[in-house]
């Protein structure tokens, strides 16, 4: 793969040793490249705008501007990169707030290094990536016991229903478009509408919500 075809990664973490270790792992992969590092949220905002990376790994617990503040600021700034939280915190509220604030995934730093790299690769292609130990946390937190899931799902058109099922399988917009024989742009419009109808803020939330719904339907 040519250098300019590699997926560009920016790392945001206030621990130099962590950044060094992650960079070494990423640089072993032919399809990935590190284009920038930031040691603080404020620095990340400036560098992200300059480098426009494909994916940003973001620590949650940083001095000064923490990871959640940085995440919200990056999204407010219009950053379109995949943002993957990479942290030691498995606190339920941290996980949920990160997803609702626009994170595309949430990984724990105690994962095996090879697993972290694989999750980064999956995230770059548009898949939802969450540490397996946190899946139940998200499903529980995203339940809406005061509403009937079937009633909520009935708000969706048949096409939106098809799309949310594919989102739950981890497919990117491009793969969904190919599966349904429609354009990427059409998928984006449908995703926007279904998120609004379900009162969800991100694809990850939609995927977890659908996984939960399907699990409750299973005997």
N, C-alpha and C. Protein backbone atom coordinates (compact mmCIF):
# COMPACT_ATOMS: atom_id res chain seq x y z
N UNK A 1 0.84 -1.20 0.00
CA UNK A 1 0.00 0.00 0.00
C UNK A 1 0.88 1.25 0.00
N UNK A 2 0.56 2.23 -0.81
CA UNK A 2 1.34 3.46 -0.87
C UNK A 2 1.14 4.28 0.38
N UNK A 3 2.13 5.12 0.70
CA UNK A 3 2.10 5.91 1.93
C UNK A 3 0.84 6.76 2.02
N UNK A 4 0.47 7.42 0.90
CA UNK A 4 -0.67 8.32 0.95
C UNK A 4 -2.02 7.58 0.99
N UNK A 5 -1.97 6.25 0.90
CA UNK A 5 -3.19 5.47 0.99
C UNK A 5 -3.39 4.94 2.40
N UNK A 6 -2.38 5.10 3.25
CA UNK A 6 -2.51 4.59 4.61
C UNK A 6 -3.48 5.44 5.43
N UNK A 7 -4.17 4.80 6.36
CA UNK A 7 -5.09 5.50 7.23
C UNK A 7 -4.29 6.29 8.27
N UNK A 8 -4.59 7.58 8.38
CA UNK A 8 -3.82 8.45 9.26
C UNK A 8 -4.40 8.47 10.67
N UNK A 9 -3.52 8.37 11.66
CA UNK A 9 -3.91 8.30 13.06
C UNK A 9 -3.29 9.46 13.83
N UNK A 10 -4.10 10.05 14.71
CA UNK A 10 -3.60 11.05 15.64
C UNK A 10 -3.85 10.54 17.06
N UNK A 11 -2.85 10.62 17.91
CA UNK A 11 -2.95 10.14 19.29
C UNK A 11 -3.03 11.32 20.25
N UNK A 12 -4.01 11.27 21.15
CA UNK A 12 -4.14 12.33 22.17
C UNK A 12 -4.09 11.68 23.54
N UNK A 13 -2.99 11.92 24.26
CA UNK A 13 -2.81 11.32 25.58
C UNK A 13 -1.72 12.10 26.29
N UNK A 14 -1.90 12.34 27.59
CA UNK A 14 -0.89 13.13 28.30
C UNK A 14 0.23 12.27 28.89
N UNK A 15 0.27 10.99 28.52
CA UNK A 15 1.35 10.11 28.96
C UNK A 15 2.26 9.79 27.76
N UNK A 16 3.46 10.37 27.71
CA UNK A 16 4.37 10.15 26.58
C UNK A 16 4.69 8.68 26.34
N UNK A 17 4.81 7.90 27.42
CA UNK A 17 5.15 6.49 27.28
C UNK A 17 4.05 5.73 26.55
N UNK A 18 2.81 6.06 26.86
CA UNK A 18 1.68 5.41 26.18
C UNK A 18 1.71 5.76 24.69
N UNK A 19 1.91 7.04 24.38
CA UNK A 19 1.95 7.46 22.98
C UNK A 19 3.09 6.77 22.23
N UNK A 20 4.23 6.65 22.88
CA UNK A 20 5.38 6.01 22.25
C UNK A 20 5.08 4.54 21.96
N UNK A 21 4.48 3.85 22.93
CA UNK A 21 4.17 2.44 22.75
C UNK A 21 3.14 2.22 21.67
N UNK A 22 2.11 3.06 21.65
CA UNK A 22 1.06 2.92 20.64
C UNK A 22 1.60 3.24 19.26
N UNK A 23 2.44 4.25 19.17
CA UNK A 23 3.05 4.61 17.88
C UNK A 23 3.85 3.43 17.33
N UNK A 24 4.62 2.79 18.20
CA UNK A 24 5.44 1.65 17.75
C UNK A 24 4.56 0.52 17.21
N UNK A 25 3.43 0.29 17.87
CA UNK A 25 2.51 -0.75 17.40
C UNK A 25 1.90 -0.39 16.05
N UNK A 26 1.47 0.87 15.93
CA UNK A 26 0.83 1.32 14.69
C UNK A 26 1.80 1.28 13.53
N UNK A 27 3.05 1.66 13.78
CA UNK A 27 4.03 1.72 12.71
C UNK A 27 4.43 0.35 12.17
N UNK A 28 4.02 -0.70 12.87
CA UNK A 28 4.26 -2.06 12.38
C UNK A 28 3.21 -2.48 11.34
N UNK A 29 2.15 -1.67 11.23
CA UNK A 29 1.05 -2.00 10.32
C UNK A 29 1.20 -1.23 9.00
N UNK A 30 1.17 -1.96 7.90
CA UNK A 30 1.36 -1.33 6.59
C UNK A 30 0.25 -0.36 6.21
N UNK A 31 -0.98 -0.60 6.72
CA UNK A 31 -2.11 0.22 6.30
C UNK A 31 -2.39 1.41 7.23
N UNK A 32 -1.58 1.58 8.27
CA UNK A 32 -1.79 2.67 9.23
C UNK A 32 -0.54 3.54 9.33
N UNK A 33 -0.74 4.81 9.67
CA UNK A 33 0.40 5.69 9.92
C UNK A 33 0.00 6.74 10.97
N UNK A 34 0.93 7.08 11.84
CA UNK A 34 0.72 8.13 12.83
C UNK A 34 1.13 9.45 12.20
N UNK A 35 0.21 10.42 12.17
CA UNK A 35 0.53 11.70 11.56
C UNK A 35 0.68 12.81 12.60
N UNK A 36 0.24 12.54 13.84
CA UNK A 36 0.33 13.59 14.85
C UNK A 36 0.14 13.01 16.25
N UNK A 37 0.68 13.73 17.24
CA UNK A 37 0.48 13.42 18.65
C UNK A 37 0.12 14.70 19.37
N UNK A 38 -0.71 14.58 20.40
CA UNK A 38 -1.05 15.74 21.23
C UNK A 38 -1.05 15.29 22.69
N UNK A 39 -0.55 16.15 23.56
CA UNK A 39 -0.46 15.80 24.97
C UNK A 39 -1.55 16.47 25.81
N UNK A 40 -2.43 17.22 25.15
CA UNK A 40 -3.52 17.89 25.87
C UNK A 40 -4.70 18.12 24.93
N UNK A 41 -5.85 18.40 25.52
CA UNK A 41 -7.03 18.67 24.72
C UNK A 41 -6.88 19.92 23.88
N UNK A 42 -6.34 20.96 24.46
CA UNK A 42 -6.17 22.22 23.74
C UNK A 42 -5.27 22.02 22.53
N UNK A 43 -4.18 21.29 22.73
CA UNK A 43 -3.25 21.01 21.64
C UNK A 43 -3.94 20.17 20.56
N UNK A 44 -4.78 19.24 21.00
CA UNK A 44 -5.48 18.35 20.06
C UNK A 44 -6.38 19.13 19.11
N UNK A 45 -7.05 20.15 19.61
CA UNK A 45 -7.97 20.94 18.77
C UNK A 45 -7.22 21.61 17.62
N UNK A 46 -6.07 22.15 17.91
CA UNK A 46 -5.29 22.82 16.88
C UNK A 46 -4.72 21.83 15.87
N UNK A 47 -4.14 20.75 16.39
CA UNK A 47 -3.48 19.79 15.51
C UNK A 47 -4.49 19.04 14.64
N UNK A 48 -5.66 18.70 15.21
CA UNK A 48 -6.68 17.98 14.43
C UNK A 48 -7.12 18.81 13.24
N UNK A 49 -7.26 20.10 13.44
CA UNK A 49 -7.67 20.98 12.35
C UNK A 49 -6.59 21.05 11.26
N UNK A 50 -5.33 20.97 11.67
CA UNK A 50 -4.22 21.06 10.71
C UNK A 50 -4.01 19.75 9.95
N UNK A 51 -4.08 18.64 10.67
CA UNK A 51 -3.72 17.35 10.09
C UNK A 51 -4.89 16.59 9.48
N UNK A 52 -6.11 16.87 9.94
CA UNK A 52 -7.31 16.19 9.42
C UNK A 52 -7.12 14.67 9.34
N UNK A 53 -6.85 14.01 10.47
CA UNK A 53 -6.59 12.56 10.46
C UNK A 53 -7.86 11.76 10.19
N UNK A 54 -7.66 10.50 9.81
CA UNK A 54 -8.81 9.60 9.62
C UNK A 54 -9.37 9.14 10.96
N UNK A 55 -8.48 8.99 11.95
CA UNK A 55 -8.91 8.51 13.26
C UNK A 55 -8.10 9.16 14.37
N UNK A 56 -8.77 9.43 15.49
CA UNK A 56 -8.12 10.01 16.66
C UNK A 56 -8.31 9.07 17.83
N UNK A 57 -7.21 8.67 18.49
CA UNK A 57 -7.34 7.95 19.75
C UNK A 57 -7.27 9.00 20.86
N UNK A 58 -8.18 8.92 21.82
CA UNK A 58 -8.32 9.99 22.80
C UNK A 58 -8.42 9.42 24.21
N UNK A 59 -7.52 9.86 25.08
CA UNK A 59 -7.56 9.44 26.48
C UNK A 59 -8.67 10.19 27.20
N UNK A 60 -9.25 9.56 28.20
CA UNK A 60 -10.33 10.18 28.94
C UNK A 60 -9.82 11.06 30.07
N UNK A 61 -8.87 10.54 30.83
CA UNK A 61 -8.39 11.24 32.02
C UNK A 61 -7.10 11.99 31.74
N UNK A 62 -7.25 13.24 31.31
CA UNK A 62 -6.09 14.08 31.04
C UNK A 62 -6.13 15.32 31.93
N UNK A 63 -4.96 15.86 32.21
CA UNK A 63 -4.87 17.09 32.99
C UNK A 63 -5.47 18.25 32.20
N UNK A 64 -6.09 19.19 32.90
CA UNK A 64 -6.68 20.34 32.22
C UNK A 64 -7.97 19.94 31.53
N UNK A 65 -8.02 20.08 30.22
CA UNK A 65 -9.19 19.70 29.43
C UNK A 65 -9.23 18.18 29.34
N UNK A 66 -10.24 17.56 29.96
CA UNK A 66 -10.27 16.10 29.94
C UNK A 66 -10.78 15.55 28.61
N UNK A 67 -10.84 14.23 28.51
CA UNK A 67 -11.19 13.60 27.25
C UNK A 67 -12.59 13.92 26.76
N UNK A 68 -13.56 13.95 27.68
CA UNK A 68 -14.93 14.24 27.28
C UNK A 68 -15.06 15.68 26.77
N UNK A 69 -14.42 16.61 27.46
CA UNK A 69 -14.43 18.01 27.01
C UNK A 69 -13.77 18.13 25.64
N UNK A 70 -12.67 17.42 25.47
CA UNK A 70 -11.95 17.45 24.20
C UNK A 70 -12.80 16.86 23.09
N UNK A 71 -13.45 15.74 23.38
CA UNK A 71 -14.33 15.07 22.41
C UNK A 71 -15.43 16.02 21.95
N UNK A 72 -16.11 16.65 22.89
CA UNK A 72 -17.20 17.57 22.53
C UNK A 72 -16.68 18.75 21.72
N UNK A 73 -15.51 19.26 22.12
CA UNK A 73 -14.93 20.40 21.41
C UNK A 73 -14.53 20.03 19.99
N UNK A 74 -13.99 18.83 19.81
CA UNK A 74 -13.61 18.37 18.47
C UNK A 74 -14.83 18.25 17.58
N UNK A 75 -15.90 17.67 18.11
CA UNK A 75 -17.13 17.54 17.32
C UNK A 75 -17.75 18.91 17.03
N UNK A 76 -17.70 19.81 18.02
CA UNK A 76 -18.23 21.15 17.82
C UNK A 76 -17.42 21.89 16.77
N UNK A 77 -16.14 21.59 16.71
CA UNK A 77 -15.23 22.21 15.74
C UNK A 77 -15.47 21.66 14.34
N UNK A 78 -16.23 20.58 14.25
CA UNK A 78 -16.53 19.99 12.94
C UNK A 78 -15.61 18.88 12.51
N UNK A 79 -14.80 18.37 13.44
CA UNK A 79 -13.88 17.28 13.11
C UNK A 79 -14.67 16.04 12.72
N UNK A 80 -14.39 15.50 11.53
CA UNK A 80 -15.12 14.34 11.01
C UNK A 80 -14.41 13.02 11.26
N UNK A 81 -13.22 13.06 11.82
CA UNK A 81 -12.45 11.84 12.05
C UNK A 81 -13.20 10.88 12.98
N UNK A 82 -12.91 9.59 12.85
CA UNK A 82 -13.37 8.64 13.84
C UNK A 82 -12.64 8.97 15.14
N UNK A 83 -13.37 9.00 16.23
CA UNK A 83 -12.73 9.29 17.52
C UNK A 83 -12.94 8.08 18.43
N UNK A 84 -11.82 7.50 18.84
CA UNK A 84 -11.83 6.27 19.61
C UNK A 84 -11.27 6.56 21.01
N UNK A 85 -12.12 6.42 22.03
CA UNK A 85 -11.65 6.62 23.40
C UNK A 85 -10.76 5.44 23.77
N UNK A 86 -9.59 5.73 24.31
CA UNK A 86 -8.65 4.71 24.74
C UNK A 86 -8.23 5.07 26.16
N UNK A 87 -8.77 4.37 27.15
CA UNK A 87 -8.67 4.82 28.52
C UNK A 87 -8.62 3.66 29.50
N UNK A 88 -8.35 3.97 30.77
CA UNK A 88 -8.37 2.95 31.83
C UNK A 88 -9.74 2.91 32.50
N UNK A 89 -10.58 3.89 32.23
CA UNK A 89 -11.86 3.99 32.93
C UNK A 89 -12.94 3.09 32.34
N UNK A 90 -13.46 2.20 33.18
CA UNK A 90 -14.60 1.39 32.76
C UNK A 90 -15.87 1.83 33.49
N UNK A 91 -15.85 3.07 33.98
CA UNK A 91 -17.02 3.64 34.67
C UNK A 91 -18.20 3.73 33.71
N UNK A 92 -19.35 3.24 34.16
CA UNK A 92 -20.53 3.20 33.30
C UNK A 92 -20.88 4.56 32.72
N UNK A 93 -20.86 5.59 33.56
CA UNK A 93 -21.24 6.93 33.10
C UNK A 93 -20.24 7.48 32.09
N UNK A 94 -18.96 7.18 32.29
CA UNK A 94 -17.94 7.64 31.34
C UNK A 94 -18.18 7.02 29.96
N UNK A 95 -18.45 5.72 29.95
CA UNK A 95 -18.68 5.02 28.69
C UNK A 95 -19.88 5.62 27.96
N UNK A 96 -20.99 5.75 28.67
CA UNK A 96 -22.22 6.24 28.05
C UNK A 96 -22.07 7.68 27.58
N UNK A 97 -21.46 8.52 28.41
CA UNK A 97 -21.32 9.94 28.04
C UNK A 97 -20.40 10.11 26.83
N UNK A 98 -19.37 9.28 26.75
CA UNK A 98 -18.46 9.35 25.59
C UNK A 98 -19.21 9.01 24.30
N UNK A 99 -20.00 7.95 24.33
CA UNK A 99 -20.75 7.55 23.14
C UNK A 99 -21.76 8.62 22.76
N UNK A 100 -22.45 9.15 23.76
CA UNK A 100 -23.46 10.17 23.49
C UNK A 100 -22.85 11.50 23.05
N UNK A 101 -21.57 11.68 23.35
CA UNK A 101 -20.90 12.93 22.95
C UNK A 101 -20.24 12.83 21.58
N UNK A 102 -20.37 11.66 20.94
CA UNK A 102 -19.85 11.55 19.59
C UNK A 102 -18.69 10.62 19.37
N UNK A 103 -18.31 9.84 20.40
CA UNK A 103 -17.22 8.87 20.21
C UNK A 103 -17.69 7.73 19.31
N UNK A 104 -16.77 7.20 18.52
CA UNK A 104 -17.08 6.09 17.62
C UNK A 104 -16.70 4.75 18.23
N UNK A 105 -16.16 4.78 19.42
CA UNK A 105 -15.79 3.54 20.08
C UNK A 105 -15.16 3.82 21.43
N UNK A 106 -15.02 2.78 22.23
CA UNK A 106 -14.50 2.93 23.59
C UNK A 106 -13.70 1.68 23.93
N UNK A 107 -12.38 1.85 24.07
CA UNK A 107 -11.50 0.74 24.37
C UNK A 107 -10.75 0.96 25.69
N UNK A 108 -10.47 -0.12 26.38
CA UNK A 108 -9.73 -0.05 27.63
C UNK A 108 -8.24 -0.32 27.36
N UNK A 109 -7.41 0.41 28.06
CA UNK A 109 -5.98 0.29 27.83
C UNK A 109 -5.40 -1.05 28.26
N UNK A 110 -6.15 -1.81 29.06
CA UNK A 110 -5.61 -3.10 29.51
C UNK A 110 -5.88 -4.22 28.51
N UNK A 111 -6.43 -3.87 27.35
CA UNK A 111 -6.60 -4.87 26.29
C UNK A 111 -5.24 -5.32 25.77
N UNK A 112 -5.21 -6.49 25.15
CA UNK A 112 -3.98 -6.95 24.52
C UNK A 112 -3.61 -5.98 23.39
N UNK A 113 -2.32 -5.64 23.25
CA UNK A 113 -1.90 -4.70 22.21
C UNK A 113 -2.40 -5.05 20.81
N UNK A 114 -2.32 -6.32 20.45
CA UNK A 114 -2.80 -6.74 19.12
C UNK A 114 -4.29 -6.49 18.96
N UNK A 115 -5.05 -6.65 20.04
CA UNK A 115 -6.49 -6.41 19.98
C UNK A 115 -6.79 -4.93 19.79
N UNK A 116 -6.00 -4.08 20.44
CA UNK A 116 -6.18 -2.64 20.27
C UNK A 116 -5.96 -2.24 18.81
N UNK A 117 -4.91 -2.77 18.20
CA UNK A 117 -4.62 -2.46 16.80
C UNK A 117 -5.74 -2.95 15.90
N UNK A 118 -6.25 -4.14 16.15
CA UNK A 118 -7.34 -4.67 15.33
C UNK A 118 -8.59 -3.79 15.46
N UNK A 119 -8.87 -3.33 16.67
CA UNK A 119 -10.03 -2.46 16.88
C UNK A 119 -9.85 -1.12 16.18
N UNK A 120 -8.63 -0.61 16.17
CA UNK A 120 -8.34 0.64 15.46
C UNK A 120 -8.62 0.45 13.96
N UNK A 121 -8.16 -0.66 13.42
CA UNK A 121 -8.40 -0.95 12.00
C UNK A 121 -9.90 -1.02 11.71
N UNK A 122 -10.64 -1.69 12.59
CA UNK A 122 -12.09 -1.82 12.40
C UNK A 122 -12.77 -0.45 12.48
N UNK A 123 -12.32 0.38 13.42
CA UNK A 123 -12.93 1.70 13.59
C UNK A 123 -12.71 2.57 12.37
N UNK A 124 -11.54 2.52 11.79
CA UNK A 124 -11.23 3.32 10.61
C UNK A 124 -12.17 2.98 9.46
N UNK A 125 -12.59 1.71 9.37
CA UNK A 125 -13.48 1.30 8.28
C UNK A 125 -14.94 1.59 8.60
N UNK A 126 -15.22 2.14 9.77
CA UNK A 126 -16.58 2.54 10.10
C UNK A 126 -17.31 1.63 11.07
N UNK A 127 -16.63 0.61 11.58
CA UNK A 127 -17.29 -0.31 12.49
C UNK A 127 -17.33 0.24 13.92
N UNK A 128 -18.37 -0.14 14.66
CA UNK A 128 -18.46 0.18 16.07
C UNK A 128 -17.46 -0.68 16.82
N UNK A 129 -16.64 -0.06 17.65
CA UNK A 129 -15.67 -0.85 18.42
C UNK A 129 -15.78 -0.51 19.90
N UNK A 130 -16.06 -1.52 20.68
CA UNK A 130 -16.19 -1.36 22.12
C UNK A 130 -15.56 -2.58 22.78
N UNK A 131 -14.80 -2.36 23.85
CA UNK A 131 -14.25 -3.49 24.59
C UNK A 131 -15.38 -4.42 24.99
N UNK A 132 -15.17 -5.72 24.81
CA UNK A 132 -16.23 -6.68 25.06
C UNK A 132 -16.80 -6.57 26.47
N UNK A 133 -15.96 -6.25 27.42
CA UNK A 133 -16.42 -6.16 28.82
C UNK A 133 -17.38 -5.00 29.04
N UNK A 134 -17.45 -4.07 28.08
CA UNK A 134 -18.29 -2.89 28.26
C UNK A 134 -19.62 -2.98 27.50
N UNK A 135 -19.79 -3.99 26.69
CA UNK A 135 -21.01 -4.10 25.88
C UNK A 135 -22.26 -4.13 26.74
N UNK A 136 -22.23 -4.93 27.79
CA UNK A 136 -23.40 -5.03 28.67
C UNK A 136 -23.70 -3.70 29.35
N UNK A 137 -22.63 -2.96 29.67
CA UNK A 137 -22.81 -1.65 30.30
C UNK A 137 -23.62 -0.73 29.39
N UNK A 138 -23.26 -0.70 28.11
CA UNK A 138 -23.97 0.16 27.16
C UNK A 138 -25.40 -0.30 26.94
N UNK A 139 -25.58 -1.59 26.80
CA UNK A 139 -26.93 -2.11 26.57
C UNK A 139 -27.85 -1.75 27.73
N UNK A 140 -27.34 -1.95 28.95
CA UNK A 140 -28.15 -1.63 30.14
C UNK A 140 -28.45 -0.15 30.22
N UNK A 141 -27.43 0.66 29.96
CA UNK A 141 -27.60 2.11 30.09
C UNK A 141 -28.52 2.70 29.03
N UNK A 142 -28.57 2.08 27.85
CA UNK A 142 -29.37 2.62 26.77
C UNK A 142 -30.79 2.10 26.74
N UNK A 143 -31.14 1.24 27.68
CA UNK A 143 -32.51 0.76 27.74
C UNK A 143 -33.44 1.90 28.13
N UNK A 144 -34.63 1.88 27.57
CA UNK A 144 -35.63 2.88 27.90
C UNK A 144 -36.87 2.15 28.42
N UNK A 145 -36.87 1.76 29.68
CA UNK A 145 -37.96 0.94 30.20
C UNK A 145 -39.32 1.59 30.17
N UNK A 146 -39.35 2.93 30.10
CA UNK A 146 -40.64 3.62 30.10
C UNK A 146 -41.30 3.59 28.72
N UNK A 147 -40.58 3.12 27.72
CA UNK A 147 -41.14 3.06 26.37
C UNK A 147 -41.06 1.63 25.84
N UNK A 148 -41.98 1.29 24.98
CA UNK A 148 -41.96 -0.02 24.35
C UNK A 148 -41.06 0.03 23.12
N UNK A 149 -40.05 -0.84 23.09
CA UNK A 149 -39.13 -0.84 21.97
C UNK A 149 -39.84 -1.05 20.63
N UNK A 150 -40.82 -1.95 20.62
CA UNK A 150 -41.53 -2.22 19.37
C UNK A 150 -42.26 -0.99 18.87
N UNK A 151 -42.79 -0.21 19.81
CA UNK A 151 -43.50 1.02 19.44
C UNK A 151 -42.52 2.03 18.84
N UNK A 152 -41.35 2.14 19.45
CA UNK A 152 -40.34 3.07 18.95
C UNK A 152 -39.87 2.64 17.56
N UNK A 153 -39.64 1.35 17.41
CA UNK A 153 -39.14 0.84 16.14
C UNK A 153 -40.16 1.05 15.02
N UNK A 154 -41.44 1.07 15.37
CA UNK A 154 -42.48 1.25 14.35
C UNK A 154 -42.43 2.65 13.73
N UNK A 155 -41.68 3.57 14.37
CA UNK A 155 -41.53 4.92 13.82
C UNK A 155 -40.64 4.92 12.59
N UNK A 156 -39.85 3.86 12.43
CA UNK A 156 -38.90 3.81 11.32
C UNK A 156 -39.56 3.28 10.06
N UNK A 157 -39.09 3.76 8.92
CA UNK A 157 -39.53 3.21 7.64
C UNK A 157 -38.85 1.85 7.46
N UNK A 158 -39.31 1.08 6.49
CA UNK A 158 -38.71 -0.23 6.26
C UNK A 158 -37.24 -0.09 5.88
N UNK A 159 -36.90 0.94 5.11
CA UNK A 159 -35.50 1.16 4.72
C UNK A 159 -34.65 1.51 5.94
N UNK A 160 -35.18 2.38 6.81
CA UNK A 160 -34.46 2.74 8.03
C UNK A 160 -34.27 1.52 8.91
N UNK A 161 -35.27 0.66 8.95
CA UNK A 161 -35.18 -0.57 9.73
C UNK A 161 -34.06 -1.45 9.19
N UNK A 162 -33.99 -1.58 7.87
CA UNK A 162 -32.92 -2.36 7.24
C UNK A 162 -31.55 -1.79 7.61
N UNK A 163 -31.46 -0.48 7.58
CA UNK A 163 -30.18 0.17 7.82
C UNK A 163 -29.73 0.02 9.27
N UNK A 164 -30.66 0.17 10.23
CA UNK A 164 -30.24 0.06 11.63
C UNK A 164 -29.81 -1.37 11.96
N UNK A 165 -30.40 -2.35 11.29
CA UNK A 165 -29.98 -3.73 11.50
C UNK A 165 -28.54 -3.94 10.99
N UNK A 166 -28.22 -3.29 9.88
CA UNK A 166 -26.87 -3.41 9.33
C UNK A 166 -25.86 -2.62 10.17
N UNK A 167 -26.31 -1.49 10.72
CA UNK A 167 -25.45 -0.73 11.64
C UNK A 167 -25.10 -1.59 12.84
N UNK A 168 -26.09 -2.33 13.35
CA UNK A 168 -25.89 -3.20 14.51
C UNK A 168 -24.89 -4.32 14.21
N UNK A 169 -24.74 -4.66 12.93
CA UNK A 169 -23.76 -5.67 12.54
C UNK A 169 -22.37 -5.08 12.36
N UNK A 170 -22.26 -3.76 12.52
CA UNK A 170 -20.96 -3.10 12.42
C UNK A 170 -20.58 -2.61 11.04
N UNK A 171 -21.55 -2.58 10.11
CA UNK A 171 -21.23 -2.15 8.75
C UNK A 171 -21.11 -0.62 8.65
N UNK A 172 -20.17 -0.17 7.84
CA UNK A 172 -20.00 1.25 7.58
C UNK A 172 -21.04 1.71 6.56
N UNK A 173 -21.18 3.03 6.38
CA UNK A 173 -22.13 3.55 5.38
C UNK A 173 -21.84 3.00 3.99
N UNK A 174 -20.57 2.90 3.65
CA UNK A 174 -20.20 2.41 2.33
C UNK A 174 -20.65 0.97 2.14
N UNK A 175 -20.46 0.14 3.16
CA UNK A 175 -20.85 -1.27 3.07
C UNK A 175 -22.37 -1.42 3.07
N UNK A 176 -23.05 -0.56 3.84
CA UNK A 176 -24.51 -0.58 3.86
C UNK A 176 -25.05 -0.21 2.48
N UNK A 177 -24.46 0.82 1.88
CA UNK A 177 -24.88 1.25 0.56
C UNK A 177 -24.72 0.12 -0.45
N UNK A 178 -23.61 -0.59 -0.35
CA UNK A 178 -23.36 -1.71 -1.27
C UNK A 178 -24.37 -2.84 -1.02
N UNK A 179 -24.65 -3.11 0.25
CA UNK A 179 -25.58 -4.18 0.60
C UNK A 179 -26.99 -3.90 0.10
N UNK A 180 -27.42 -2.63 0.19
CA UNK A 180 -28.79 -2.26 -0.17
C UNK A 180 -28.90 -1.68 -1.58
N UNK A 181 -27.76 -1.58 -2.26
CA UNK A 181 -27.72 -1.05 -3.63
C UNK A 181 -28.27 0.38 -3.70
N UNK A 182 -27.79 1.21 -2.77
CA UNK A 182 -28.12 2.64 -2.77
C UNK A 182 -26.83 3.42 -2.60
N UNK A 183 -26.88 4.74 -2.68
CA UNK A 183 -25.67 5.56 -2.58
C UNK A 183 -25.30 5.82 -1.12
N UNK A 184 -24.02 6.16 -0.91
CA UNK A 184 -23.55 6.53 0.43
C UNK A 184 -24.36 7.70 0.98
N UNK A 185 -24.63 8.67 0.11
CA UNK A 185 -25.39 9.85 0.53
C UNK A 185 -26.78 9.50 1.02
N UNK A 186 -27.42 8.56 0.34
CA UNK A 186 -28.75 8.13 0.75
C UNK A 186 -28.70 7.46 2.12
N UNK A 187 -27.68 6.66 2.34
CA UNK A 187 -27.51 6.01 3.65
C UNK A 187 -27.36 7.06 4.75
N UNK A 188 -26.54 8.07 4.49
CA UNK A 188 -26.31 9.13 5.49
C UNK A 188 -27.61 9.82 5.87
N UNK A 189 -28.44 10.10 4.88
CA UNK A 189 -29.73 10.75 5.14
C UNK A 189 -30.61 9.86 6.00
N UNK A 190 -30.67 8.57 5.66
CA UNK A 190 -31.50 7.64 6.44
C UNK A 190 -30.99 7.52 7.87
N UNK A 191 -29.67 7.46 8.03
CA UNK A 191 -29.09 7.36 9.38
C UNK A 191 -29.45 8.59 10.21
N UNK A 192 -29.35 9.75 9.60
CA UNK A 192 -29.70 10.99 10.29
C UNK A 192 -31.14 10.96 10.76
N UNK A 193 -32.05 10.50 9.91
CA UNK A 193 -33.46 10.46 10.24
C UNK A 193 -33.77 9.43 11.33
N UNK A 194 -33.15 8.26 11.24
CA UNK A 194 -33.46 7.23 12.24
C UNK A 194 -32.90 7.60 13.62
N UNK A 195 -31.76 8.26 13.64
CA UNK A 195 -31.21 8.71 14.93
C UNK A 195 -32.16 9.72 15.59
N UNK A 196 -32.70 10.61 14.77
CA UNK A 196 -33.63 11.61 15.30
C UNK A 196 -34.89 10.95 15.84
N UNK A 197 -35.42 9.98 15.10
CA UNK A 197 -36.65 9.30 15.52
C UNK A 197 -36.45 8.52 16.82
N UNK A 198 -35.27 7.93 16.97
CA UNK A 198 -35.00 7.11 18.15
C UNK A 198 -34.39 7.92 19.30
N UNK A 199 -34.22 9.24 19.08
CA UNK A 199 -33.64 10.13 20.09
C UNK A 199 -32.25 9.66 20.52
N UNK A 200 -31.46 9.25 19.54
CA UNK A 200 -30.10 8.81 19.78
C UNK A 200 -29.14 9.79 19.12
N UNK A 201 -27.90 9.84 19.62
CA UNK A 201 -26.97 10.84 19.13
C UNK A 201 -25.88 10.30 18.21
N UNK A 202 -25.75 8.99 18.12
CA UNK A 202 -24.66 8.46 17.30
C UNK A 202 -24.98 7.08 16.75
N UNK A 203 -24.21 6.68 15.76
CA UNK A 203 -24.35 5.34 15.17
C UNK A 203 -24.09 4.26 16.22
N UNK A 204 -23.12 4.53 17.11
CA UNK A 204 -22.79 3.54 18.13
C UNK A 204 -23.98 3.31 19.05
N UNK A 205 -24.62 4.40 19.47
CA UNK A 205 -25.83 4.27 20.29
C UNK A 205 -26.89 3.47 19.55
N UNK A 206 -27.06 3.77 18.27
CA UNK A 206 -28.07 3.07 17.48
C UNK A 206 -27.75 1.57 17.40
N UNK A 207 -26.48 1.26 17.21
CA UNK A 207 -26.08 -0.15 17.13
C UNK A 207 -26.36 -0.88 18.43
N UNK A 208 -25.99 -0.27 19.55
CA UNK A 208 -26.21 -0.90 20.84
C UNK A 208 -27.70 -1.04 21.13
N UNK A 209 -28.47 0.00 20.79
CA UNK A 209 -29.92 -0.04 21.00
C UNK A 209 -30.53 -1.21 20.23
N UNK A 210 -30.10 -1.39 18.98
CA UNK A 210 -30.66 -2.45 18.15
C UNK A 210 -30.22 -3.82 18.64
N UNK A 211 -28.98 -3.94 19.07
CA UNK A 211 -28.50 -5.22 19.63
C UNK A 211 -29.34 -5.60 20.85
N UNK A 212 -29.63 -4.61 21.68
CA UNK A 212 -30.45 -4.83 22.86
C UNK A 212 -31.86 -5.26 22.48
N UNK A 213 -32.44 -4.60 21.50
CA UNK A 213 -33.79 -4.93 21.04
C UNK A 213 -33.85 -6.35 20.50
N UNK A 214 -32.85 -6.71 19.70
CA UNK A 214 -32.82 -8.05 19.11
C UNK A 214 -32.62 -9.11 20.19
N UNK A 215 -31.80 -8.78 21.21
CA UNK A 215 -31.56 -9.74 22.30
C UNK A 215 -32.84 -10.01 23.09
N UNK A 216 -33.64 -8.98 23.30
CA UNK A 216 -34.89 -9.14 24.05
C UNK A 216 -35.94 -9.90 23.25
N UNK A 217 -35.83 -9.85 21.92
CA UNK A 217 -36.78 -10.57 21.08
C UNK A 217 -36.45 -12.05 21.01
N UNK A 218 -35.18 -12.38 21.22
CA UNK A 218 -34.76 -13.78 21.12
C UNK A 218 -35.36 -14.57 22.27
N UNK A 219 -35.75 -15.82 22.01
CA UNK A 219 -36.32 -16.66 23.07
C UNK A 219 -35.29 -17.03 24.11
